[in-house]
Amino acid sequence: MAASKTHQNGKPKKTRKKSAEAKAKNLSALDAAAQVLAETGQPMACKEMIETMTAKGYWSSPGGKTPASTLYSAITKEISTKGKESRFKKTDRGRFART
């Protein structure tokens, strides 16, 4: 029999296990943006990506005031750090496409 984890007081610890389905749904904002751009096949602005990601249920803002600005910053950082290996490319001012 497998050993179970116990607390200091001798009672068994309560542990949560996420199902594979729940893990698959938890996308980061960058992953969700890449998925949206791949599905549409067209360049989009960050505000449009946020709206689409929220509507499709891929990602929602955890309460930030400017999620589009945060996404813009994350995308430009990925482009600058990864270069040609980045998932995104800048097509126009404020618009990005999937590579």
PDB file of N, CA and C in Angstrom:
ATOM      1  N   MET A   1       0.829  -1.163   0.000  1.00  0.00           N
ATOM      2  CA  MET A   1       0.000   0.000   0.000  1.00  0.00           C
ATOM      3  C   MET A   1       0.888   1.247   0.000  1.00  0.00           C
ATOM      4  N   ALA A   2       0.479   2.271  -0.734  1.00  0.00           N
ATOM      5  CA  ALA A   2       1.271   3.481  -0.830  1.00  0.00           C
ATOM      6  C   ALA A   2       1.160   4.292   0.458  1.00  0.00           C
ATOM      7  N   ALA A   3       2.272   4.907   0.818  1.00  0.00           N
ATOM      8  CA  ALA A   3       2.269   5.724   2.033  1.00  0.00           C
ATOM      9  C   ALA A   3       1.552   7.034   1.747  1.00  0.00           C
ATOM     10  N   SER A   4       0.688   7.432   2.657  1.00  0.00           N
ATOM     11  CA  SER A   4      -0.013   8.699   2.476  1.00  0.00           C
ATOM     12  C   SER A   4       0.687   9.772   3.285  1.00  0.00           C
ATOM     13  N   LYS A   5       0.523  11.003   2.870  1.00  0.00           N
ATOM     14  CA  LYS A   5       1.151  12.114   3.580  1.00  0.00           C
ATOM     15  C   LYS A   5       0.318  12.446   4.809  1.00  0.00           C
ATOM     16  N   THR A   6       1.007  12.669   5.904  1.00  0.00           N
ATOM     17  CA  THR A   6       0.290  13.010   7.129  1.00  0.00           C
ATOM     18  C   THR A   6       0.828  14.315   7.692  1.00  0.00           C
ATOM     19  N   HIS A   7      -0.027  15.018   8.371  1.00  0.00           N
ATOM     20  CA  HIS A   7       0.318  16.280   9.001  1.00  0.00           C
ATOM     21  C   HIS A   7       0.990  15.991  10.340  1.00  0.00           C
ATOM     22  N   GLN A   8       1.532  17.006  10.983  1.00  0.00           N
ATOM     23  CA  GLN A   8       2.206  16.841  12.273  1.00  0.00           C
ATOM     24  C   GLN A   8       1.277  16.249  13.327  1.00  0.00           C
ATOM     25  N   ASN A   9      -0.017  16.586  13.236  1.00  0.00           N
ATOM     26  CA  ASN A   9      -0.957  16.098  14.246  1.00  0.00           C
ATOM     27  C   ASN A   9      -1.441  14.674  13.960  1.00  0.00           C
ATOM     28  N   GLY A  10      -0.928  14.056  12.926  1.00  0.00           N
ATOM     29  CA  GLY A  10      -1.281  12.678  12.626  1.00  0.00           C
ATOM     30  C   GLY A  10      -2.440  12.523  11.656  1.00  0.00           C
ATOM     31  N   LYS A  11      -3.122  13.616  11.346  1.00  0.00           N
ATOM     32  CA  LYS A  11      -4.240  13.549  10.401  1.00  0.00           C
ATOM     33  C   LYS A  11      -3.703  13.580   8.974  1.00  0.00           C
ATOM     34  N   PRO A  12      -4.374  12.922   8.050  1.00  0.00           N
ATOM     35  CA  PRO A  12      -3.904  12.935   6.660  1.00  0.00           C
ATOM     36  C   PRO A  12      -4.029  14.336   6.049  1.00  0.00           C
ATOM     37  N   LYS A  13      -3.030  14.697   5.220  1.00  0.00           N
ATOM     38  CA  LYS A  13      -3.052  15.987   4.543  1.00  0.00           C
ATOM     39  C   LYS A  13      -4.055  15.934   3.397  1.00  0.00           C
ATOM     40  N   LYS A  14      -4.705  17.056   3.190  1.00  0.00           N
ATOM     41  CA  LYS A  14      -5.619  17.161   2.062  1.00  0.00           C
ATOM     42  C   LYS A  14      -4.823  17.668   0.863  1.00  0.00           C
ATOM     43  N   THR A  15      -4.845  16.927  -0.210  1.00  0.00           N
ATOM     44  CA  THR A  15      -4.134  17.338  -1.413  1.00  0.00           C
ATOM     45  C   THR A  15      -5.116  17.445  -2.558  1.00  0.00           C
ATOM     46  N   ARG A  16      -4.853  18.389  -3.448  1.00  0.00           N
ATOM     47  CA  ARG A  16      -5.693  18.566  -4.627  1.00  0.00           C
ATOM     48  C   ARG A  16      -4.947  18.050  -5.832  1.00  0.00           C
ATOM     49  N   LYS A  17      -5.651  17.349  -6.658  1.00  0.00           N
ATOM     50  CA  LYS A  17      -5.074  16.880  -7.903  1.00  0.00           C
ATOM     51  C   LYS A  17      -5.886  17.471  -9.041  1.00  0.00           C
ATOM     52  N   LYS A  18      -5.184  18.110  -9.978  1.00  0.00           N
ATOM     53  CA  LYS A  18      -5.859  18.669 -11.139  1.00  0.00           C
ATOM     54  C   LYS A  18      -5.946  17.601 -12.212  1.00  0.00           C
ATOM     55  N   SER A  19      -7.076  17.553 -12.843  1.00  0.00           N
ATOM     56  CA  SER A  19      -7.232  16.605 -13.932  1.00  0.00           C
ATOM     57  C   SER A  19      -6.456  17.104 -15.142  1.00  0.00           C
ATOM     58  N   ALA A  20      -6.205  16.236 -16.082  1.00  0.00           N
ATOM     59  CA  ALA A  20      -5.485  16.611 -17.296  1.00  0.00           C
ATOM     60  C   ALA A  20      -6.268  17.663 -18.072  1.00  0.00           C
ATOM     61  N   GLU A  21      -7.577  17.585 -18.011  1.00  0.00           N
ATOM     62  CA  GLU A  21      -8.428  18.546 -18.704  1.00  0.00           C
ATOM     63  C   GLU A  21      -8.285  19.936 -18.076  1.00  0.00           C
ATOM     64  N   ALA A  22      -8.237  20.032 -16.777  1.00  0.00           N
ATOM     65  CA  ALA A  22      -8.095  21.307 -16.097  1.00  0.00           C
ATOM     66  C   ALA A  22      -6.725  21.915 -16.374  1.00  0.00           C
ATOM     67  N   LYS A  23      -5.686  21.090 -16.430  1.00  0.00           N
ATOM     68  CA  LYS A  23      -4.348  21.589 -16.722  1.00  0.00           C
ATOM     69  C   LYS A  23      -4.256  22.130 -18.141  1.00  0.00           C
ATOM     70  N   ALA A  24      -4.937  21.487 -19.081  1.00  0.00           N
ATOM     71  CA  ALA A  24      -4.888  21.907 -20.470  1.00  0.00           C
ATOM     72  C   ALA A  24      -5.573  23.256 -20.673  1.00  0.00           C
ATOM     73  N   LYS A  25      -6.563  23.576 -19.870  1.00  0.00           N
ATOM     74  CA  LYS A  25      -7.306  24.818 -20.031  1.00  0.00           C
ATOM     75  C   LYS A  25      -6.549  26.025 -19.490  1.00  0.00           C
ATOM     76  N   ASN A  26      -5.601  25.822 -18.603  1.00  0.00           N
ATOM     77  CA  ASN A  26      -4.881  26.926 -17.992  1.00  0.00           C
ATOM     78  C   ASN A  26      -3.737  27.372 -18.896  1.00  0.00           C
ATOM     79  N   LEU A  27      -4.054  28.234 -19.852  1.00  0.00           N
ATOM     80  CA  LEU A  27      -3.045  28.766 -20.748  1.00  0.00           C
ATOM     81  C   LEU A  27      -2.541  30.090 -20.205  1.00  0.00           C
ATOM     82  N   SER A  28      -1.294  30.388 -20.494  1.00  0.00           N
ATOM     83  CA  SER A  28      -0.796  31.716 -20.163  1.00  0.00           C
ATOM     84  C   SER A  28      -1.335  32.690 -21.200  1.00  0.00           C
ATOM     85  N   ALA A  29      -1.205  33.968 -20.932  1.00  0.00           N
ATOM     86  CA  ALA A  29      -1.686  34.974 -21.877  1.00  0.00           C
ATOM     87  C   ALA A  29      -0.939  34.857 -23.207  1.00  0.00           C
ATOM     88  N   LEU A  30       0.363  34.599 -23.156  1.00  0.00           N
ATOM     89  CA  LEU A  30       1.136  34.451 -24.395  1.00  0.00           C
ATOM     90  C   LEU A  30       0.720  33.224 -25.187  1.00  0.00           C
ATOM     91  N   ASP A  31       0.506  32.105 -24.496  1.00  0.00           N
ATOM     92  CA  ASP A  31       0.073  30.887 -25.180  1.00  0.00           C
ATOM     93  C   ASP A  31      -1.303  31.081 -25.805  1.00  0.00           C
ATOM     94  N   ALA A  32      -2.194  31.729 -25.074  1.00  0.00           N
ATOM     95  CA  ALA A  32      -3.537  31.982 -25.587  1.00  0.00           C
ATOM     96  C   ALA A  32      -3.493  32.928 -26.778  1.00  0.00           C
ATOM     97  N   ALA A  33      -2.638  33.945 -26.724  1.00  0.00           N
ATOM     98  CA  ALA A  33      -2.505  34.878 -27.844  1.00  0.00           C
ATOM     99  C   ALA A  33      -1.971  34.163 -29.080  1.00  0.00           C
ATOM    100  N   ALA A  34      -0.988  33.283 -28.885  1.00  0.00           N
ATOM    101  CA  ALA A  34      -0.440  32.520 -30.007  1.00  0.00           C
ATOM    102  C   ALA A  34      -1.511  31.628 -30.623  1.00  0.00           C
ATOM    103  N   GLN A  35      -2.350  31.037 -29.791  1.00  0.00           N
ATOM    104  CA  GLN A  35      -3.416  30.165 -30.281  1.00  0.00           C
ATOM    105  C   GLN A  35      -4.464  30.971 -31.059  1.00  0.00           C
ATOM    106  N   VAL A  36      -4.828  32.138 -30.562  1.00  0.00           N
ATOM    107  CA  VAL A  36      -5.802  32.987 -31.241  1.00  0.00           C
ATOM    108  C   VAL A  36      -5.267  33.440 -32.595  1.00  0.00           C
ATOM    109  N   LEU A  37      -4.010  33.862 -32.624  1.00  0.00           N
ATOM    110  CA  LEU A  37      -3.418  34.308 -33.892  1.00  0.00           C
ATOM    111  C   LEU A  37      -3.316  33.162 -34.895  1.00  0.00           C
ATOM    112  N   ALA A  38      -3.020  31.967 -34.411  1.00  0.00           N
ATOM    113  CA  ALA A  38      -2.945  30.806 -35.302  1.00  0.00           C
ATOM    114  C   ALA A  38      -4.322  30.471 -35.880  1.00  0.00           C
ATOM    115  N   GLU A  39      -5.363  30.590 -35.064  1.00  0.00           N
ATOM    116  CA  GLU A  39      -6.716  30.278 -35.519  1.00  0.00           C
ATOM    117  C   GLU A  39      -7.231  31.300 -36.533  1.00  0.00           C
ATOM    118  N   THR A  40      -6.963  32.584 -36.285  1.00  0.00           N
ATOM    119  CA  THR A  40      -7.477  33.615 -37.187  1.00  0.00           C
ATOM    120  C   THR A  40      -6.631  33.750 -38.440  1.00  0.00           C
ATOM    121  N   GLY A  41      -5.323  33.589 -38.306  1.00  0.00           N
ATOM    122  CA  GLY A  41      -4.436  33.712 -39.453  1.00  0.00           C
ATOM    123  C   GLY A  41      -4.226  35.140 -39.908  1.00  0.00           C
ATOM    124  N   GLN A  42      -4.689  36.110 -39.122  1.00  0.00           N
ATOM    125  CA  GLN A  42      -4.546  37.512 -39.489  1.00  0.00           C
ATOM    126  C   GLN A  42      -3.882  38.277 -38.353  1.00  0.00           C
ATOM    127  N   PRO A  43      -3.156  39.350 -38.679  1.00  0.00           N
ATOM    128  CA  PRO A  43      -2.575  40.181 -37.617  1.00  0.00           C
ATOM    129  C   PRO A  43      -3.669  40.820 -36.772  1.00  0.00           C
ATOM    130  N   MET A  44      -3.401  40.935 -35.489  1.00  0.00           N
ATOM    131  CA  MET A  44      -4.368  41.516 -34.569  1.00  0.00           C
ATOM    132  C   MET A  44      -3.662  42.454 -33.600  1.00  0.00           C
ATOM    133  N   ALA A  45      -4.426  43.407 -33.079  1.00  0.00           N
ATOM    134  CA  ALA A  45      -3.937  44.272 -32.014  1.00  0.00           C
ATOM    135  C   ALA A  45      -4.123  43.540 -30.686  1.00  0.00           C
ATOM    136  N   CYS A  46      -3.401  43.944 -29.675  1.00  0.00           N
ATOM    137  CA  CYS A  46      -3.459  43.266 -28.378  1.00  0.00           C
ATOM    138  C   CYS A  46      -4.852  43.342 -27.756  1.00  0.00           C
ATOM    139  N   LYS A  47      -5.520  44.466 -27.914  1.00  0.00           N
ATOM    140  CA  LYS A  47      -6.870  44.596 -27.358  1.00  0.00           C
ATOM    141  C   LYS A  47      -7.818  43.591 -28.012  1.00  0.00           C
ATOM    142  N   GLU A  48      -7.697  43.409 -29.317  1.00  0.00           N
ATOM    143  CA  GLU A  48      -8.519  42.419 -30.027  1.00  0.00           C
ATOM    144  C   GLU A  48      -8.203  41.007 -29.545  1.00  0.00           C
ATOM    145  N   MET A  49      -6.908  40.736 -29.337  1.00  0.00           N
ATOM    146  CA  MET A  49      -6.511  39.407 -28.861  1.00  0.00           C
ATOM    147  C   MET A  49      -7.089  39.129 -27.481  1.00  0.00           C
ATOM    148  N   ILE A  50      -7.040  40.108 -26.585  1.00  0.00           N
ATOM    149  CA  ILE A  50      -7.583  39.943 -25.230  1.00  0.00           C
ATOM    150  C   ILE A  50      -9.075  39.649 -25.302  1.00  0.00           C
ATOM    151  N   GLU A  51      -9.799  40.407 -26.125  1.00  0.00           N
ATOM    152  CA  GLU A  51     -11.245  40.204 -26.257  1.00  0.00           C
ATOM    153  C   GLU A  51     -11.560  38.808 -26.801  1.00  0.00           C
ATOM    154  N   THR A  52     -10.799  38.364 -27.799  1.00  0.00           N
ATOM    155  CA  THR A  52     -11.020  37.045 -28.396  1.00  0.00           C
ATOM    156  C   THR A  52     -10.653  35.930 -27.424  1.00  0.00           C
ATOM    157  N   MET A  53      -9.543  36.093 -26.711  1.00  0.00           N
ATOM    158  CA  MET A  53      -9.123  35.078 -25.746  1.00  0.00           C
ATOM    159  C   MET A  53     -10.158  34.920 -24.643  1.00  0.00           C
ATOM    160  N   THR A  54     -10.725  36.031 -24.205  1.00  0.00           N
ATOM    161  CA  THR A  54     -11.741  35.990 -23.154  1.00  0.00           C
ATOM    162  C   THR A  54     -13.025  35.363 -23.675  1.00  0.00           C
ATOM    163  N   ALA A  55     -13.432  35.739 -24.887  1.00  0.00           N
ATOM    164  CA  ALA A  55     -14.673  35.216 -25.468  1.00  0.00           C
ATOM    165  C   ALA A  55     -14.601  33.705 -25.695  1.00  0.00           C
ATOM    166  N   LYS A  56     -13.431  33.217 -26.103  1.00  0.00           N
ATOM    167  CA  LYS A  56     -13.275  31.785 -26.358  1.00  0.00           C
ATOM    168  C   LYS A  56     -12.952  30.995 -25.097  1.00  0.00           C
ATOM    169  N   GLY A  57     -12.675  31.694 -24.007  1.00  0.00           N
ATOM    170  CA  GLY A  57     -12.399  31.025 -22.743  1.00  0.00           C
ATOM    171  C   GLY A  57     -10.986  30.509 -22.599  1.00  0.00           C
ATOM    172  N   TYR A  58     -10.061  30.980 -23.429  1.00  0.00           N
ATOM    173  CA  TYR A  58      -8.677  30.536 -23.342  1.00  0.00           C
ATOM    174  C   TYR A  58      -7.961  31.149 -22.145  1.00  0.00           C
ATOM    175  N   TRP A  59      -8.250  32.415 -21.886  1.00  0.00           N
ATOM    176  CA  TRP A  59      -7.574  33.150 -20.820  1.00  0.00           C
ATOM    177  C   TRP A  59      -8.434  34.331 -20.435  1.00  0.00           C
ATOM    178  N   SER A  60      -8.410  34.689 -19.170  1.00  0.00           N
ATOM    179  CA  SER A  60      -9.077  35.909 -18.739  1.00  0.00           C
ATOM    180  C   SER A  60      -8.171  36.629 -17.756  1.00  0.00           C
ATOM    181  N   SER A  61      -8.282  37.918 -17.731  1.00  0.00           N
ATOM    182  CA  SER A  61      -7.428  38.728 -16.872  1.00  0.00           C
ATOM    183  C   SER A  61      -7.744  38.451 -15.408  1.00  0.00           C
ATOM    184  N   PRO A  62      -6.728  38.254 -14.602  1.00  0.00           N
ATOM    185  CA  PRO A  62      -6.975  38.008 -13.177  1.00  0.00           C
ATOM    186  C   PRO A  62      -7.290  39.282 -12.402  1.00  0.00           C
ATOM    187  N   GLY A  63      -7.700  40.328 -13.079  1.00  0.00           N
ATOM    188  CA  GLY A  63      -8.093  41.556 -12.398  1.00  0.00           C
ATOM    189  C   GLY A  63      -7.198  42.744 -12.703  1.00  0.00           C
ATOM    190  N   GLY A  64      -6.306  42.595 -13.660  1.00  0.00           N
ATOM    191  CA  GLY A  64      -5.429  43.700 -14.019  1.00  0.00           C
ATOM    192  C   GLY A  64      -6.189  44.806 -14.733  1.00  0.00           C
ATOM    193  N   LYS A  65      -5.690  46.019 -14.636  1.00  0.00           N
ATOM    194  CA  LYS A  65      -6.374  47.155 -15.255  1.00  0.00           C
ATOM    195  C   LYS A  65      -6.035  47.305 -16.731  1.00  0.00           C
ATOM    196  N   THR A  66      -4.852  46.858 -17.140  1.00  0.00           N
ATOM    197  CA  THR A  66      -4.428  47.035 -18.532  1.00  0.00           C
ATOM    198  C   THR A  66      -3.867  45.727 -19.103  1.00  0.00           C
ATOM    199  N   PRO A  67      -4.708  44.716 -19.283  1.00  0.00           N
ATOM    200  CA  PRO A  67      -4.191  43.443 -19.797  1.00  0.00           C
ATOM    201  C   PRO A  67      -3.636  43.552 -21.212  1.00  0.00           C
ATOM    202  N   ALA A  68      -4.174  44.450 -22.030  1.00  0.00           N
ATOM    203  CA  ALA A  68      -3.663  44.603 -23.389  1.00  0.00           C
ATOM    204  C   ALA A  68      -2.238  45.150 -23.380  1.00  0.00           C
ATOM    205  N   SER A  69      -1.958  46.076 -22.497  1.00  0.00           N
ATOM    206  CA  SER A  69      -0.599  46.628 -22.385  1.00  0.00           C
ATOM    207  C   SER A  69       0.372  45.570 -21.871  1.00  0.00           C
ATOM    208  N   THR A  70      -0.083  44.754 -20.939  1.00  0.00           N
ATOM    209  CA  THR A  70       0.760  43.689 -20.402  1.00  0.00           C
ATOM    210  C   THR A  70       1.069  42.662 -21.484  1.00  0.00           C
ATOM    211  N   LEU A  71       0.064  42.313 -22.288  1.00  0.00           N
ATOM    212  CA  LEU A  71       0.267  41.368 -23.382  1.00  0.00           C
ATOM    213  C   LEU A  71       1.220  41.949 -24.415  1.00  0.00           C
ATOM    214  N   TYR A  72       1.049  43.210 -24.757  1.00  0.00           N
ATOM    215  CA  TYR A  72       1.935  43.884 -25.717  1.00  0.00           C
ATOM    216  C   TYR A  72       3.376  43.796 -25.250  1.00  0.00           C
ATOM    217  N   SER A  73       3.595  44.094 -23.974  1.00  0.00           N
ATOM    218  CA  SER A  73       4.943  44.052 -23.410  1.00  0.00           C
ATOM    219  C   SER A  73       5.518  42.642 -23.466  1.00  0.00           C
ATOM    220  N   ALA A  74       4.705  41.654 -23.139  1.00  0.00           N
ATOM    221  CA  ALA A  74       5.177  40.266 -23.147  1.00  0.00           C
ATOM    222  C   ALA A  74       5.517  39.799 -24.558  1.00  0.00           C
ATOM    223  N   ILE A  75       4.708  40.193 -25.529  1.00  0.00           N
ATOM    224  CA  ILE A  75       4.969  39.787 -26.916  1.00  0.00           C
ATOM    225  C   ILE A  75       6.248  40.437 -27.430  1.00  0.00           C
ATOM    226  N   THR A  76       6.409  41.736 -27.188  1.00  0.00           N
ATOM    227  CA  THR A  76       7.625  42.406 -27.658  1.00  0.00           C
ATOM    228  C   THR A  76       8.872  41.863 -26.956  1.00  0.00           C
ATOM    229  N   LYS A  77       8.724  41.472 -25.695  1.00  0.00           N
ATOM    230  CA  LYS A  77       9.864  40.880 -24.987  1.00  0.00           C
ATOM    231  C   LYS A  77      10.233  39.532 -25.603  1.00  0.00           C
ATOM    232  N   GLU A  78       9.224  38.723 -25.947  1.00  0.00           N
ATOM    233  CA  GLU A  78       9.519  37.428 -26.575  1.00  0.00           C
ATOM    234  C   GLU A  78      10.187  37.627 -27.927  1.00  0.00           C
ATOM    235  N   ILE A  79       9.732  38.597 -28.694  1.00  0.00           N
ATOM    236  CA  ILE A  79      10.335  38.867 -29.996  1.00  0.00           C
ATOM    237  C   ILE A  79      11.792  39.287 -29.833  1.00  0.00           C
ATOM    238  N   SER A  80      12.066  40.147 -28.865  1.00  0.00           N
ATOM    239  CA  SER A  80      13.437  40.631 -28.693  1.00  0.00           C
ATOM    240  C   SER A  80      14.363  39.567 -28.102  1.00  0.00           C
ATOM    241  N   THR A  81      13.863  38.707 -27.235  1.00  0.00           N
ATOM    242  CA  THR A  81      14.741  37.707 -26.614  1.00  0.00           C
ATOM    243  C   THR A  81      14.932  36.472 -27.492  1.00  0.00           C
ATOM    244  N   LYS A  82      13.880  36.034 -28.154  1.00  0.00           N
ATOM    245  CA  LYS A  82      13.979  34.806 -28.950  1.00  0.00           C
ATOM    246  C   LYS A  82      14.330  35.052 -30.408  1.00  0.00           C
ATOM    247  N   GLY A  83      14.132  36.265 -30.875  1.00  0.00           N
ATOM    248  CA  GLY A  83      14.485  36.597 -32.253  1.00  0.00           C
ATOM    249  C   GLY A  83      13.682  35.795 -33.260  1.00  0.00           C
ATOM    250  N   LYS A  84      14.372  35.062 -34.125  1.00  0.00           N
ATOM    251  CA  LYS A  84      13.710  34.297 -35.188  1.00  0.00           C
ATOM    252  C   LYS A  84      12.903  33.118 -34.653  1.00  0.00           C
ATOM    253  N   GLU A  85      13.190  32.678 -33.442  1.00  0.00           N
ATOM    254  CA  GLU A  85      12.478  31.549 -32.857  1.00  0.00           C
ATOM    255  C   GLU A  85      11.192  31.968 -32.143  1.00  0.00           C
ATOM    256  N   SER A  86      10.898  33.261 -32.143  1.00  0.00           N
ATOM    257  CA  SER A  86       9.693  33.764 -31.493  1.00  0.00           C
ATOM    258  C   SER A  86       8.441  33.275 -32.217  1.00  0.00           C
ATOM    259  N   ARG A  87       7.355  33.112 -31.457  1.00  0.00           N
ATOM    260  CA  ARG A  87       6.078  32.693 -32.049  1.00  0.00           C
ATOM    261  C   ARG A  87       5.360  33.849 -32.722  1.00  0.00           C
ATOM    262  N   PHE A  88       5.819  35.073 -32.473  1.00  0.00           N
ATOM    263  CA  PHE A  88       5.136  36.266 -32.957  1.00  0.00           C
ATOM    264  C   PHE A  88       6.041  37.082 -33.868  1.00  0.00           C
ATOM    265  N   LYS A  89       5.412  37.872 -34.731  1.00  0.00           N
ATOM    266  CA  LYS A  89       6.146  38.865 -35.505  1.00  0.00           C
ATOM    267  C   LYS A  89       5.296  40.124 -35.565  1.00  0.00           C
ATOM    268  N   LYS A  90       5.972  41.264 -35.554  1.00  0.00           N
ATOM    269  CA  LYS A  90       5.273  42.543 -35.597  1.00  0.00           C
ATOM    270  C   LYS A  90       5.025  42.880 -37.055  1.00  0.00           C
ATOM    271  N   THR A  91       3.767  43.111 -37.413  1.00  0.00           N
ATOM    272  CA  THR A  91       3.427  43.387 -38.800  1.00  0.00           C
ATOM    273  C   THR A  91       3.202  44.866 -39.054  1.00  0.00           C
ATOM    274  N   ASP A  92       2.735  45.564 -38.064  1.00  0.00           N
ATOM    275  CA  ASP A  92       2.422  46.977 -38.188  1.00  0.00           C
ATOM    276  C   ASP A  92       2.461  47.575 -36.789  1.00  0.00           C
ATOM    277  N   ARG A  93       2.259  48.848 -36.690  1.00  0.00           N
ATOM    278  CA  ARG A  93       2.268  49.501 -35.396  1.00  0.00           C
ATOM    279  C   ARG A  93       1.154  48.934 -34.509  1.00  0.00           C
ATOM    280  N   GLY A  94       1.551  48.241 -33.434  1.00  0.00           N
ATOM    281  CA  GLY A  94       0.587  47.691 -32.494  1.00  0.00           C
ATOM    282  C   GLY A  94      -0.105  46.413 -32.940  1.00  0.00           C
ATOM    283  N   ARG A  95       0.335  45.829 -34.048  1.00  0.00           N
ATOM    284  CA  ARG A  95      -0.304  44.605 -34.564  1.00  0.00           C
ATOM    285  C   ARG A  95       0.731  43.483 -34.697  1.00  0.00           C
ATOM    286  N   PHE A  96       0.289  42.298 -34.339  1.00  0.00           N
ATOM    287  CA  PHE A  96       1.169  41.137 -34.356  1.00  0.00           C
ATOM    288  C   PHE A  96       0.506  39.989 -35.101  1.00  0.00           C
ATOM    289  N   ALA A  97       1.345  39.103 -35.651  1.00  0.00           N
ATOM    290  CA  ALA A  97       0.874  37.898 -36.333  1.00  0.00           C
ATOM    291  C   ALA A  97       1.680  36.729 -35.820  1.00  0.00           C
ATOM    292  N   ARG A  98       1.200  35.556 -36.092  1.00  0.00           N
ATOM    293  CA  ARG A  98       1.894  34.319 -35.729  1.00  0.00           C
ATOM    294  C   ARG A  98       2.911  33.988 -36.798  1.00  0.00           C
ATOM    295  N   THR A  99       4.089  33.574 -36.408  1.00  0.00           N
ATOM    296  CA  THR A  99       5.123  33.213 -37.393  1.00  0.00           C
ATOM    297  C   THR A  99       4.921  31.810 -37.893  1.00  0.00           C
TER     298      THR A  99
END
